[in-house]
Amino acid sequence: VNRAALDFAGCTEEEIRGALFWETPWWNYPPDASERLRRAIETAATKGETIRYETSHLDSAGKLEQYDFSINPVRNASSP
């Protein structure tokens, strides 16, 4: 995680080290954000699909930011 992302969430690297990505502060808003991300990761990993959607995140000051988010499966020579 880079410094800009940590500053945005108002957290330290130590606070998120070892956390699953969907359990980090970036995914605490809206209420279903964490579960939506978990499902997107699962779909990318199991079905090999790229997932893309718009999402909102609250920064450490409570300002709402909009993002175009995507997650892509990582493939190797044996992947379909």
N, C-alpha and C. Protein backbone atom coordinates (compact mmCIF):
# COMPACT_ATOMS: atom_id res chain seq x y z
N VAL A 1 0.85 -1.17 0.00
CA VAL A 1 0.00 0.00 0.00
C VAL A 1 0.89 1.23 0.00
N ASN A 2 0.55 2.18 -0.84
CA ASN A 2 1.38 3.38 -0.91
C ASN A 2 0.92 4.44 0.10
N ARG A 3 1.74 5.44 0.31
CA ARG A 3 1.48 6.49 1.29
C ARG A 3 0.18 7.23 0.99
N ALA A 4 -0.11 7.52 -0.27
CA ALA A 4 -1.34 8.25 -0.62
C ALA A 4 -2.57 7.46 -0.18
N ALA A 5 -2.57 6.16 -0.38
CA ALA A 5 -3.71 5.33 0.02
C ALA A 5 -3.85 5.30 1.54
N LEU A 6 -2.73 5.20 2.26
CA LEU A 6 -2.77 5.21 3.72
C LEU A 6 -3.29 6.55 4.24
N ASP A 7 -2.81 7.64 3.66
CA ASP A 7 -3.27 8.96 4.06
C ASP A 7 -4.76 9.14 3.79
N PHE A 8 -5.22 8.66 2.64
CA PHE A 8 -6.63 8.75 2.28
C PHE A 8 -7.50 8.09 3.36
N ALA A 9 -7.09 6.90 3.80
CA ALA A 9 -7.86 6.15 4.78
C ALA A 9 -7.58 6.57 6.22
N GLY A 10 -6.51 7.34 6.41
CA GLY A 10 -6.16 7.76 7.75
C GLY A 10 -5.67 6.61 8.61
N CYS A 11 -4.90 5.71 8.01
CA CYS A 11 -4.40 4.57 8.76
C CYS A 11 -2.91 4.38 8.50
N THR A 12 -2.33 3.47 9.23
CA THR A 12 -0.92 3.16 9.06
C THR A 12 -0.77 1.78 8.43
N GLU A 13 0.39 1.52 7.90
CA GLU A 13 0.67 0.21 7.32
C GLU A 13 0.51 -0.89 8.36
N GLU A 14 0.94 -0.60 9.58
CA GLU A 14 0.85 -1.59 10.66
C GLU A 14 -0.61 -1.96 10.96
N GLU A 15 -1.52 -1.00 10.83
CA GLU A 15 -2.93 -1.26 11.12
C GLU A 15 -3.59 -2.18 10.10
N ILE A 16 -3.07 -2.22 8.89
CA ILE A 16 -3.71 -3.05 7.87
C ILE A 16 -2.90 -4.29 7.49
N ARG A 17 -1.67 -4.36 7.96
CA ARG A 17 -0.81 -5.51 7.61
C ARG A 17 -1.51 -6.81 8.01
N GLY A 18 -1.60 -7.72 7.07
CA GLY A 18 -2.21 -9.02 7.31
C GLY A 18 -3.71 -9.05 7.11
N ALA A 19 -4.34 -7.90 6.90
CA ALA A 19 -5.79 -7.87 6.71
C ALA A 19 -6.14 -8.29 5.28
N LEU A 20 -7.26 -8.95 5.14
CA LEU A 20 -7.76 -9.23 3.80
C LEU A 20 -8.15 -7.91 3.16
N PHE A 21 -7.97 -7.77 1.86
CA PHE A 21 -8.19 -6.49 1.20
C PHE A 21 -9.58 -5.93 1.48
N TRP A 22 -10.60 -6.78 1.48
CA TRP A 22 -11.96 -6.29 1.69
C TRP A 22 -12.23 -5.93 3.16
N GLU A 23 -11.27 -6.20 4.04
CA GLU A 23 -11.40 -5.82 5.45
C GLU A 23 -10.65 -4.53 5.79
N THR A 24 -10.06 -3.89 4.79
CA THR A 24 -9.29 -2.67 5.03
C THR A 24 -10.22 -1.45 5.03
N PRO A 25 -9.76 -0.32 5.57
CA PRO A 25 -10.61 0.86 5.70
C PRO A 25 -11.17 1.41 4.39
N TRP A 26 -10.56 1.13 3.28
CA TRP A 26 -11.05 1.65 2.01
C TRP A 26 -12.40 1.09 1.66
N TRP A 27 -12.76 -0.04 2.23
CA TRP A 27 -13.98 -0.74 1.85
C TRP A 27 -15.04 -0.73 2.95
N ASN A 28 -15.07 0.34 3.76
CA ASN A 28 -16.07 0.42 4.83
C ASN A 28 -17.28 1.27 4.46
N TYR A 29 -17.32 1.80 3.26
CA TYR A 29 -18.46 2.60 2.80
C TYR A 29 -18.63 2.40 1.31
N PRO A 30 -19.84 2.26 0.82
CA PRO A 30 -21.09 2.10 1.55
C PRO A 30 -21.10 0.76 2.30
N PRO A 31 -22.16 0.49 3.07
CA PRO A 31 -22.18 -0.70 3.92
C PRO A 31 -21.92 -2.02 3.20
N ASP A 32 -22.27 -2.13 1.94
CA ASP A 32 -22.07 -3.39 1.21
C ASP A 32 -20.75 -3.43 0.44
N ALA A 33 -19.90 -2.41 0.56
CA ALA A 33 -18.67 -2.33 -0.24
C ALA A 33 -17.74 -3.51 0.00
N SER A 34 -17.57 -3.89 1.25
CA SER A 34 -16.66 -4.98 1.58
C SER A 34 -17.12 -6.30 0.95
N GLU A 35 -18.39 -6.60 1.08
CA GLU A 35 -18.92 -7.85 0.52
C GLU A 35 -18.89 -7.81 -1.01
N ARG A 36 -19.16 -6.68 -1.59
CA ARG A 36 -19.13 -6.56 -3.06
C ARG A 36 -17.71 -6.81 -3.57
N LEU A 37 -16.72 -6.27 -2.89
CA LEU A 37 -15.33 -6.49 -3.28
C LEU A 37 -14.95 -7.96 -3.10
N ARG A 38 -15.35 -8.56 -1.99
CA ARG A 38 -15.02 -9.97 -1.75
C ARG A 38 -15.58 -10.85 -2.87
N ARG A 39 -16.81 -10.57 -3.28
CA ARG A 39 -17.42 -11.35 -4.38
C ARG A 39 -16.70 -11.09 -5.70
N ALA A 40 -16.28 -9.85 -5.94
CA ALA A 40 -15.55 -9.53 -7.18
C ALA A 40 -14.22 -10.28 -7.24
N ILE A 41 -13.52 -10.32 -6.13
CA ILE A 41 -12.25 -11.05 -6.08
C ILE A 41 -12.49 -12.53 -6.32
N GLU A 42 -13.52 -13.07 -5.69
CA GLU A 42 -13.85 -14.48 -5.87
C GLU A 42 -14.18 -14.79 -7.33
N THR A 43 -14.96 -13.93 -7.97
CA THR A 43 -15.32 -14.14 -9.37
C THR A 43 -14.09 -14.07 -10.27
N ALA A 44 -13.24 -13.09 -10.05
CA ALA A 44 -12.02 -12.97 -10.86
C ALA A 44 -11.14 -14.20 -10.68
N ALA A 45 -11.04 -14.67 -9.45
CA ALA A 45 -10.17 -15.82 -9.16
C ALA A 45 -10.73 -17.14 -9.67
N THR A 46 -12.03 -17.34 -9.54
CA THR A 46 -12.60 -18.65 -9.90
C THR A 46 -13.10 -18.74 -11.33
N LYS A 47 -13.57 -17.62 -11.87
CA LYS A 47 -14.13 -17.65 -13.22
C LYS A 47 -13.24 -16.97 -14.25
N GLY A 48 -12.18 -16.32 -13.77
CA GLY A 48 -11.27 -15.65 -14.70
C GLY A 48 -11.86 -14.42 -15.35
N GLU A 49 -12.86 -13.82 -14.73
CA GLU A 49 -13.53 -12.65 -15.30
C GLU A 49 -12.95 -11.35 -14.76
N THR A 50 -12.91 -10.34 -15.61
CA THR A 50 -12.59 -8.99 -15.17
C THR A 50 -13.86 -8.37 -14.62
N ILE A 51 -13.75 -7.75 -13.46
CA ILE A 51 -14.88 -7.10 -12.82
C ILE A 51 -14.61 -5.60 -12.79
N ARG A 52 -15.60 -4.81 -13.17
CA ARG A 52 -15.44 -3.36 -13.16
C ARG A 52 -16.74 -2.72 -12.70
N TYR A 53 -16.60 -1.76 -11.80
CA TYR A 53 -17.77 -1.02 -11.34
C TYR A 53 -17.35 0.30 -10.71
N GLU A 54 -18.33 1.20 -10.56
CA GLU A 54 -18.07 2.47 -9.88
C GLU A 54 -18.35 2.27 -8.40
N THR A 55 -17.51 2.88 -7.58
CA THR A 55 -17.65 2.75 -6.14
C THR A 55 -17.34 4.08 -5.46
N SER A 56 -17.82 4.25 -4.25
CA SER A 56 -17.58 5.45 -3.47
C SER A 56 -16.78 5.08 -2.23
N HIS A 57 -15.92 5.98 -1.82
CA HIS A 57 -15.13 5.76 -0.61
C HIS A 57 -15.06 7.05 0.18
N LEU A 58 -15.12 6.93 1.50
CA LEU A 58 -14.97 8.08 2.38
C LEU A 58 -13.51 8.21 2.77
N ASP A 59 -12.96 9.42 2.64
CA ASP A 59 -11.59 9.61 3.09
C ASP A 59 -11.59 9.83 4.61
N SER A 60 -10.41 10.01 5.17
CA SER A 60 -10.29 10.12 6.62
C SER A 60 -11.00 11.35 7.19
N ALA A 61 -11.29 12.32 6.35
CA ALA A 61 -12.01 13.53 6.78
C ALA A 61 -13.52 13.41 6.54
N GLY A 62 -13.96 12.29 5.98
CA GLY A 62 -15.37 12.09 5.71
C GLY A 62 -15.84 12.57 4.35
N LYS A 63 -14.90 12.96 3.49
CA LYS A 63 -15.25 13.42 2.14
C LYS A 63 -15.48 12.20 1.24
N LEU A 64 -16.57 12.21 0.50
CA LEU A 64 -16.93 11.11 -0.39
C LEU A 64 -16.22 11.27 -1.73
N GLU A 65 -15.52 10.24 -2.15
CA GLU A 65 -14.81 10.21 -3.43
C GLU A 65 -15.38 9.09 -4.29
N GLN A 66 -15.47 9.32 -5.60
CA GLN A 66 -15.98 8.33 -6.55
C GLN A 66 -14.81 7.71 -7.31
N TYR A 67 -14.88 6.40 -7.54
CA TYR A 67 -13.82 5.69 -8.26
C TYR A 67 -14.39 4.72 -9.27
N ASP A 68 -13.68 4.58 -10.36
CA ASP A 68 -13.95 3.55 -11.35
C ASP A 68 -12.99 2.42 -10.99
N PHE A 69 -13.51 1.33 -10.47
CA PHE A 69 -12.71 0.25 -9.91
C PHE A 69 -12.76 -0.97 -10.83
N SER A 70 -11.64 -1.64 -10.98
CA SER A 70 -11.64 -2.92 -11.71
C SER A 70 -10.65 -3.87 -11.05
N ILE A 71 -10.95 -5.13 -11.20
CA ILE A 71 -10.06 -6.19 -10.74
C ILE A 71 -9.95 -7.20 -11.87
N ASN A 72 -8.71 -7.57 -12.16
CA ASN A 72 -8.45 -8.47 -13.29
C ASN A 72 -7.77 -9.74 -12.79
N PRO A 73 -8.17 -10.87 -13.31
CA PRO A 73 -7.49 -12.11 -12.91
C PRO A 73 -6.05 -12.12 -13.42
N VAL A 74 -5.19 -12.73 -12.65
CA VAL A 74 -3.80 -12.91 -13.07
C VAL A 74 -3.71 -14.28 -13.72
N ARG A 75 -3.17 -14.29 -14.91
CA ARG A 75 -3.08 -15.55 -15.66
C ARG A 75 -1.62 -15.92 -15.90
N ASN A 76 -1.40 -17.20 -16.07
CA ASN A 76 -0.07 -17.66 -16.46
C ASN A 76 -0.22 -18.55 -17.69
N ALA A 77 0.86 -19.18 -18.10
CA ALA A 77 0.85 -19.98 -19.33
C ALA A 77 -0.18 -21.11 -19.29
N SER A 78 -0.52 -21.60 -18.10
CA SER A 78 -1.49 -22.70 -18.03
C SER A 78 -2.92 -22.22 -17.81
N SER A 79 -3.13 -20.92 -17.71
CA SER A 79 -4.49 -20.39 -17.53
C SER A 79 -5.22 -20.36 -18.87
N PRO A 80 -6.55 -20.59 -18.83
CA PRO A 80 -7.32 -20.52 -20.08
C PRO A 80 -7.44 -19.12 -20.62
